[in-house]
Amino acid sequence: MSSKVIEADVDESFAADRQVVIEHLAGINPHAQLSEQEKSDYKARIKALLQQHNAVLVAHYYTDPIIQELAEETGGCVADSLEMARFGKEHPADTLIVAGVKFMGETAKILTPHKRVLMPTLEATCSLDIGCPADEFSEFCDQHPDRTVVVYANTSAAVKARADWVVTSSIALDVVEHLDKCGEKILWAPDKHLGAYVQKQTGADVLLWDGACIVHEEFKARGIEDLKALYPGAAVLVHPESPQAVVELADVVGSTSQLIQAAETLPNREFIVATDQGIFFKMQQRCPDKVFHVAPTAGSGASCRSCANCPWMAMNALDNLADVFERTDNEIFVDEALAEQAMRPLRRMLEFKKS
């Protein structure tokens, strides 16, 4: 059987709203209205431009599948933010095209200041980044000078520059556990759910900034329980940016790369996945005989029962990727002094992973 991604359909009322859901997903997917010929033409143009400019495309797991596919076809990289940073730093290309959100482009520029870093759009940001302004965060840090400052990668260059450590979800537990063993107290930002998960797992003294991801915060325990009742053999995979009640239902909690690995290694044939559904492209690719169900979302902030899409990741599209070299409003610049400050915690992150 081929792999499948299935929209959650946990009650009859959702079926009545199906057209609304379809229209929502069409609106968030910039490629929904393109013909196959148009997609093929765009891809051919982008491939030629990448070669012409000695550029490489680096894409996050949450971008549209067609962008991920294009990155792989052109010798680029599809990965989580940590491996995107590593790949860009080590690749010999003169120009990095970062398909993701702005903090990823900033990180790439800090790590490779000699390279040109372009993005399909600089408007693609992140609710965690927006919710942690550098001036307010710096003031918060000043109020707690006895704490080691650990920030999630989903933050601006200015916030990283104020930190002692930068972490991704794949190494957050290990870093905080290490710091705790050294007797250090932690100031954590910006995701309170990931921070609370790390705090619970490590037992460390962690002071949390109040931030959250708009995608992961919408996953609801009740919806996952209802879906689990329909598919009792399915394993539940959850990203730790999700609320605690959702995390507690998980068979595996982990970063994007860790969830993909879990889908490969667990014996279950079906999975309920609580993270951005862009990840299903890679899960399907690696697990062609398994079935994936989108964990349902709900609440006043949700426009559908199973959207699970970051609206900013969805801004990465074939059309703005095709003109990425022609525009003057999409290059990443980071102040040299700021970049030097931010490089210190980023270097710790990269070197910690290797140790």
Protein backbone atom coordinates (compact mmCIF):
# COMPACT_ATOMS: atom_id res chain seq x y z
CA MET A 1 0.00 0.00 0.00
CA SER A 2 1.18 3.52 -0.75
CA SER A 3 1.60 5.92 2.12
CA LYS A 4 -1.26 8.28 2.85
CA VAL A 5 -1.83 11.53 4.65
CA ILE A 6 -5.38 11.69 5.95
CA GLU A 7 -7.20 14.77 7.16
CA ALA A 8 -8.73 14.13 10.58
CA ASP A 9 -12.48 13.46 10.32
CA VAL A 10 -13.50 12.88 13.89
CA ASP A 11 -17.20 13.70 13.71
CA GLU A 12 -20.06 14.22 11.26
CA SER A 13 -20.07 17.99 11.68
CA PHE A 14 -16.62 18.20 10.16
CA ALA A 15 -17.89 16.52 6.98
CA ALA A 16 -20.43 19.33 6.60
CA ASP A 17 -17.61 21.86 6.75
CA ARG A 18 -15.40 20.01 4.32
CA GLN A 19 -15.72 22.61 1.55
CA VAL A 20 -14.63 25.33 3.97
CA VAL A 21 -11.57 23.24 4.85
CA ILE A 22 -10.75 22.66 1.19
CA GLU A 23 -11.03 26.36 0.43
CA HIS A 24 -8.82 27.20 3.40
CA LEU A 25 -6.11 24.79 2.34
CA ALA A 26 -6.29 26.02 -1.25
CA GLY A 27 -5.82 29.55 0.03
CA ILE A 28 -2.81 28.69 2.16
CA ASN A 29 -1.20 26.62 -0.62
CA PRO A 30 0.14 28.97 -3.32
CA HIS A 31 0.52 26.07 -5.75
CA ALA A 32 -3.04 24.78 -5.54
CA GLN A 33 -4.19 26.61 -8.68
CA LEU A 34 -1.11 25.91 -10.83
CA SER A 35 -1.35 23.39 -13.65
CA GLU A 36 1.21 20.60 -13.88
CA GLN A 37 2.76 22.34 -16.87
CA GLU A 38 3.10 25.58 -14.94
CA LYS A 39 4.76 23.78 -12.06
CA SER A 40 7.14 22.05 -14.46
CA ASP A 41 8.03 25.35 -16.14
CA TYR A 42 8.71 27.04 -12.81
CA LYS A 43 10.91 24.17 -11.63
CA ALA A 44 12.94 24.16 -14.86
CA ARG A 45 13.51 27.92 -14.59
CA ILE A 46 14.56 27.71 -10.94
CA LYS A 47 16.95 24.82 -11.60
CA ALA A 48 18.65 26.81 -14.36
CA LEU A 49 18.95 29.88 -12.16
CA LEU A 50 20.47 27.95 -9.27
CA GLN A 51 23.13 26.57 -11.57
CA GLN A 52 23.75 29.94 -13.24
CA HIS A 53 24.29 31.72 -9.91
CA ASN A 54 26.19 28.89 -8.16
CA ALA A 55 23.42 28.78 -5.59
CA VAL A 56 21.92 26.02 -3.48
CA LEU A 57 18.37 25.70 -2.15
CA VAL A 58 17.94 24.84 1.54
CA ALA A 59 14.35 24.07 2.59
CA HIS A 60 12.67 23.32 5.90
CA TYR A 61 10.46 20.26 6.45
CA TYR A 62 7.45 22.57 6.87
CA THR A 63 7.62 24.13 3.41
CA ASP A 64 5.36 22.97 0.60
CA PRO A 65 6.25 19.49 -0.73
CA ILE A 66 7.03 20.90 -4.19
CA ILE A 67 9.69 23.17 -2.64
CA GLN A 68 11.19 20.26 -0.70
CA GLU A 69 11.21 18.13 -3.83
CA LEU A 70 12.95 20.90 -5.78
CA ALA A 71 15.63 21.28 -3.11
CA GLU A 72 16.43 17.58 -3.26
CA GLU A 73 16.40 17.47 -7.06
CA THR A 74 18.97 20.29 -7.24
CA GLY A 75 21.45 18.95 -4.71
CA GLY A 76 20.16 21.08 -1.88
CA CYS A 77 18.91 20.14 1.55
CA VAL A 78 15.58 19.43 3.25
CA ALA A 79 16.01 19.40 7.00
CA ASP A 80 15.25 20.89 10.40
CA SER A 81 16.72 24.28 11.29
CA LEU A 82 19.88 22.82 12.85
CA GLU A 83 20.80 20.71 9.83
CA MET A 84 19.83 23.54 7.47
CA ALA A 85 22.39 25.70 9.29
CA ARG A 86 25.06 22.99 9.07
CA PHE A 87 24.43 22.30 5.40
CA GLY A 88 24.57 25.96 4.40
CA LYS A 89 27.77 26.51 6.37
CA GLU A 90 29.55 23.57 4.77
CA HIS A 91 28.25 23.81 1.18
CA PRO A 92 30.61 25.47 -1.34
CA ALA A 93 27.87 27.48 -3.10
CA ASP A 94 28.31 31.25 -3.30
CA THR A 95 24.63 31.90 -2.59
CA LEU A 96 22.22 30.22 -0.20
CA ILE A 97 18.51 30.27 -0.99
CA VAL A 98 16.72 29.65 2.30
CA ALA A 99 13.13 28.44 1.95
CA GLY A 100 11.74 28.72 5.44
CA VAL A 101 11.20 31.68 7.76
CA LYS A 102 13.32 34.75 8.39
CA PHE A 103 15.22 33.59 11.48
CA MET A 104 16.57 30.68 9.41
CA GLY A 105 17.93 33.12 6.82
CA GLU A 106 19.50 35.21 9.56
CA THR A 107 21.15 32.16 11.08
CA ALA A 108 22.54 31.18 7.68
CA LYS A 109 23.99 34.67 7.20
CA ILE A 110 25.57 34.73 10.67
CA LEU A 111 27.23 31.37 10.09
CA THR A 112 28.36 32.23 6.54
CA PRO A 113 28.85 36.03 6.41
CA HIS A 114 30.85 35.76 3.18
CA LYS A 115 27.92 34.21 1.31
CA ARG A 116 24.89 35.91 -0.15
CA VAL A 117 21.71 34.70 1.54
CA LEU A 118 18.40 35.18 -0.27
CA MET A 119 14.87 34.15 0.67
CA PRO A 120 11.72 33.85 -1.44
CA THR A 121 10.22 36.50 0.87
CA LEU A 122 11.38 38.27 4.01
CA GLU A 123 7.76 38.51 5.16
CA ALA A 124 7.88 34.84 6.17
CA THR A 125 8.42 35.12 9.89
CA CYS A 126 7.44 33.14 13.00
CA SER A 127 5.04 33.75 15.87
CA LEU A 128 7.76 32.79 18.33
CA ASP A 129 10.11 35.37 16.84
CA ILE A 130 7.42 38.07 16.77
CA GLY A 131 6.43 37.29 20.35
CA CYS A 132 9.94 37.83 21.70
CA PRO A 133 11.04 41.42 20.89
CA ALA A 134 14.73 41.95 21.52
CA ASP A 135 14.35 45.01 23.75
CA GLU A 136 11.75 43.40 26.03
CA PHE A 137 13.71 40.16 26.15
CA SER A 138 16.93 41.95 27.04
CA GLU A 139 15.15 43.71 29.89
CA PHE A 140 13.81 40.36 31.09
CA CYS A 141 17.34 38.94 31.08
CA ASP A 142 18.66 41.95 32.99
CA GLN A 143 16.11 41.24 35.72
CA HIS A 144 17.59 37.74 36.20
CA PRO A 145 21.38 38.10 35.88
CA ASP A 146 22.03 34.89 37.80
CA ARG A 147 20.51 32.72 35.06
CA THR A 148 22.07 31.21 31.95
CA VAL A 149 20.11 32.41 28.93
CA VAL A 150 19.02 29.65 26.54
CA VAL A 151 16.99 30.63 23.49
CA TYR A 152 15.27 28.49 20.92
CA ALA A 153 16.48 28.88 17.33
CA ASN A 154 13.10 30.43 16.44
CA THR A 155 14.28 33.90 17.45
CA SER A 156 15.79 36.98 15.83
CA ALA A 157 19.52 37.59 15.52
CA ALA A 158 19.20 40.29 18.20
CA VAL A 159 17.67 37.85 20.70
CA LYS A 160 20.33 35.25 19.91
CA ALA A 161 22.98 37.90 20.53
CA ARG A 162 21.64 38.32 24.08
CA ALA A 163 21.80 34.58 24.79
CA ASP A 164 24.43 32.26 26.21
CA TRP A 165 23.13 29.28 24.25
CA VAL A 166 20.98 28.70 21.17
CA VAL A 167 19.22 25.34 20.86
CA THR A 168 16.90 23.57 18.48
CA SER A 169 14.22 21.14 19.64
CA SER A 170 16.50 18.25 18.71
CA ILE A 171 19.17 19.19 21.29
CA ALA A 172 17.22 21.28 23.84
CA LEU A 173 16.93 18.45 26.35
CA ASP A 174 20.61 17.53 26.12
CA VAL A 175 21.83 21.11 26.49
CA VAL A 176 19.61 21.94 29.47
CA GLU A 177 20.46 18.64 31.14
CA HIS A 178 24.15 19.47 30.69
CA LEU A 179 23.70 22.96 32.16
CA ASP A 180 21.67 21.61 35.05
CA LYS A 181 24.42 19.14 35.92
CA CYS A 182 26.79 22.12 35.99
CA GLY A 183 24.55 23.72 38.61
CA GLU A 184 23.24 26.48 36.34
CA LYS A 185 19.76 27.99 36.51
CA ILE A 186 18.10 28.60 33.14
CA LEU A 187 16.23 31.50 31.59
CA TRP A 188 14.37 30.02 28.63
CA ALA A 189 12.76 31.70 25.62
CA PRO A 190 10.55 31.94 23.73
CA ASP A 191 8.35 28.80 23.52
CA LYS A 192 6.72 28.11 26.89
CA HIS A 193 5.47 24.66 25.85
CA LEU A 194 8.87 23.41 24.72
CA GLY A 195 10.42 25.06 27.78
CA ALA A 196 7.95 23.38 30.13
CA TYR A 197 8.62 20.02 28.46
CA VAL A 198 12.37 20.48 28.87
CA GLN A 199 11.89 21.57 32.49
CA LYS A 200 9.77 18.50 33.29
CA GLN A 201 12.12 16.06 31.58
CA THR A 202 15.34 17.41 33.09
CA GLY A 203 14.18 18.68 36.47
CA ALA A 204 16.21 21.84 35.86
CA ASP A 205 15.41 25.24 37.38
CA VAL A 206 13.89 26.95 34.32
CA LEU A 207 12.30 30.40 34.14
CA LEU A 208 10.01 30.60 31.09
CA TRP A 209 9.29 33.41 28.65
CA ASP A 210 5.60 33.43 27.67
CA GLY A 211 5.56 32.57 23.96
CA ALA A 212 3.96 29.93 21.76
CA CYS A 213 3.78 28.66 18.17
CA ILE A 214 0.43 29.42 16.54
CA VAL A 215 0.42 26.05 14.77
CA HIS A 216 1.39 23.72 17.60
CA GLU A 217 -0.66 25.50 20.25
CA GLU A 218 -3.84 24.67 18.31
CA PHE A 219 -3.48 20.90 18.68
CA LYS A 220 -6.02 19.65 21.21
CA ALA A 221 -5.87 16.57 23.39
CA ARG A 222 -9.59 15.84 22.96
CA GLY A 223 -9.28 15.77 19.18
CA ILE A 224 -6.32 13.43 19.32
CA GLU A 225 -8.17 11.15 21.75
CA ASP A 226 -11.15 11.04 19.36
CA LEU A 227 -8.88 10.22 16.43
CA LYS A 228 -7.05 7.59 18.45
CA ALA A 229 -10.42 5.93 19.12
CA LEU A 230 -10.91 5.64 15.36
CA TYR A 231 -7.38 4.35 14.77
CA PRO A 232 -6.40 2.50 17.96
CA GLY A 233 -3.30 1.01 16.39
CA ALA A 234 -1.86 4.39 15.44
CA ALA A 235 1.17 5.77 17.27
CA VAL A 236 0.93 9.42 18.29
CA LEU A 237 3.91 11.60 17.29
CA VAL A 238 4.06 15.05 18.88
CA HIS A 239 6.38 18.03 18.58
CA PRO A 240 7.22 19.44 22.04
CA GLU A 241 6.02 22.93 21.04
CA SER A 242 2.53 21.48 21.64
CA PRO A 243 0.59 21.98 24.90
CA GLN A 244 1.32 19.60 27.79
CA ALA A 245 -2.02 17.78 27.48
CA VAL A 246 -1.13 16.88 23.89
CA VAL A 247 2.44 15.89 24.78
CA GLU A 248 1.10 13.53 27.45
CA LEU A 249 -0.77 11.54 24.77
CA ALA A 250 2.33 10.99 22.66
CA ASP A 251 4.11 7.73 22.00
CA VAL A 252 7.06 9.79 20.80
CA VAL A 253 7.87 13.45 21.51
CA GLY A 254 10.57 15.01 19.39
CA SER A 255 11.88 17.47 16.85
CA THR A 256 10.91 17.23 13.19
CA SER A 257 13.89 15.00 12.38
CA GLN A 258 13.22 12.83 15.44
CA LEU A 259 9.56 12.37 14.48
CA ILE A 260 10.55 11.34 10.97
CA GLN A 261 12.95 8.81 12.44
CA ALA A 262 10.19 7.52 14.73
CA ALA A 263 7.89 6.99 11.76
CA GLU A 264 10.63 4.91 10.15
CA THR A 265 11.56 2.80 13.15
CA LEU A 266 8.30 2.17 15.02
CA PRO A 267 6.43 -0.98 13.96
CA ASN A 268 3.04 0.79 13.73
CA ARG A 269 1.42 1.00 10.32
CA GLU A 270 -0.52 4.19 11.15
CA PHE A 271 0.45 7.44 12.85
CA ILE A 272 -1.30 10.50 14.24
CA VAL A 273 1.10 13.40 13.83
CA ALA A 274 0.88 16.67 15.76
CA THR A 275 3.12 19.08 13.91
CA ASP A 276 2.99 21.09 10.68
CA GLN A 277 1.80 18.77 7.94
CA GLY A 278 4.66 19.81 5.64
CA ILE A 279 6.57 17.04 7.44
CA PHE A 280 4.44 14.39 5.73
CA PHE A 281 6.35 14.78 2.46
CA LYS A 282 9.47 13.33 4.06
CA MET A 283 7.52 10.79 6.13
CA GLN A 284 5.78 9.48 3.04
CA GLN A 285 9.06 9.40 1.15
CA ARG A 286 10.77 7.30 3.80
CA CYS A 287 7.76 5.18 4.80
CA PRO A 288 5.83 4.40 1.61
CA ASP A 289 3.77 1.63 3.23
CA LYS A 290 2.55 3.65 6.21
CA VAL A 291 -0.48 5.88 6.75
CA PHE A 292 -0.34 9.31 8.41
CA HIS A 293 -3.25 11.13 9.99
CA VAL A 294 -3.12 14.88 10.58
CA ALA A 295 -3.76 15.56 14.26
CA PRO A 296 -6.89 17.73 14.57
CA THR A 297 -6.77 21.33 15.67
CA ALA A 298 -9.55 23.43 17.16
CA GLY A 299 -10.18 26.56 19.15
CA SER A 300 -11.11 30.14 18.41
CA GLY A 301 -7.88 30.76 16.50
CA ALA A 302 -8.32 27.89 14.08
CA SER A 303 -10.04 28.28 10.74
CA CYS A 304 -10.33 24.54 10.16
CA ARG A 305 -10.29 21.33 12.15
CA SER A 306 -7.07 19.98 10.64
CA CYS A 307 -5.14 22.83 9.05
CA ALA A 308 -1.79 22.32 10.82
CA ASN A 309 -0.03 24.66 8.42
CA CYS A 310 2.25 27.56 9.25
CA PRO A 311 1.00 30.50 7.17
CA TRP A 312 4.50 31.95 6.96
CA MET A 313 6.09 28.73 5.73
CA ALA A 314 3.37 28.68 3.07
CA MET A 315 4.71 31.98 1.70
CA ASN A 316 7.59 30.07 0.10
CA ALA A 317 6.30 29.47 -3.40
CA LEU A 318 7.49 28.66 -6.90
CA ASP A 319 6.74 32.14 -8.21
CA ASN A 320 8.74 34.07 -5.63
CA LEU A 321 11.48 31.45 -5.77
CA ALA A 322 11.70 31.89 -9.53
CA ASP A 323 12.41 35.63 -9.21
CA VAL A 324 14.58 35.38 -6.09
CA PHE A 325 17.67 36.66 -7.97
CA GLU A 326 15.90 39.58 -9.62
CA ARG A 327 14.52 41.38 -6.58
CA THR A 328 16.25 43.76 -4.20
CA ASP A 329 14.00 43.23 -1.18
CA ASN A 330 14.79 39.65 -0.25
CA GLU A 331 18.45 39.54 0.78
CA ILE A 332 19.36 38.86 4.40
CA PHE A 333 21.71 41.31 6.09
CA VAL A 334 22.84 41.14 9.71
CA ASP A 335 24.80 43.91 11.42
CA GLU A 336 28.42 42.79 11.75
CA ALA A 337 28.72 43.50 15.49
CA LEU A 338 25.35 41.83 16.18
CA ALA A 339 26.33 38.83 14.09
CA GLU A 340 29.55 38.45 16.06
CA GLN A 341 27.60 38.40 19.34
CA ALA A 342 25.03 35.94 18.00
CA MET A 343 27.74 33.70 16.62
CA ARG A 344 28.95 32.77 20.10
CA PRO A 345 25.79 30.91 21.24
CA LEU A 346 25.28 29.51 17.75
CA ARG A 347 28.80 28.10 17.78
CA ARG A 348 28.07 26.48 21.14
CA MET A 349 25.00 24.86 19.59
CA LEU A 350 26.94 23.45 16.64
CA GLU A 351 29.89 22.28 18.73
CA PHE A 352 27.65 20.72 21.38
CA LYS A 353 25.99 18.52 18.79
CA LYS A 354 29.37 17.25 17.66
CA SER A 355 30.61 16.44 21.17
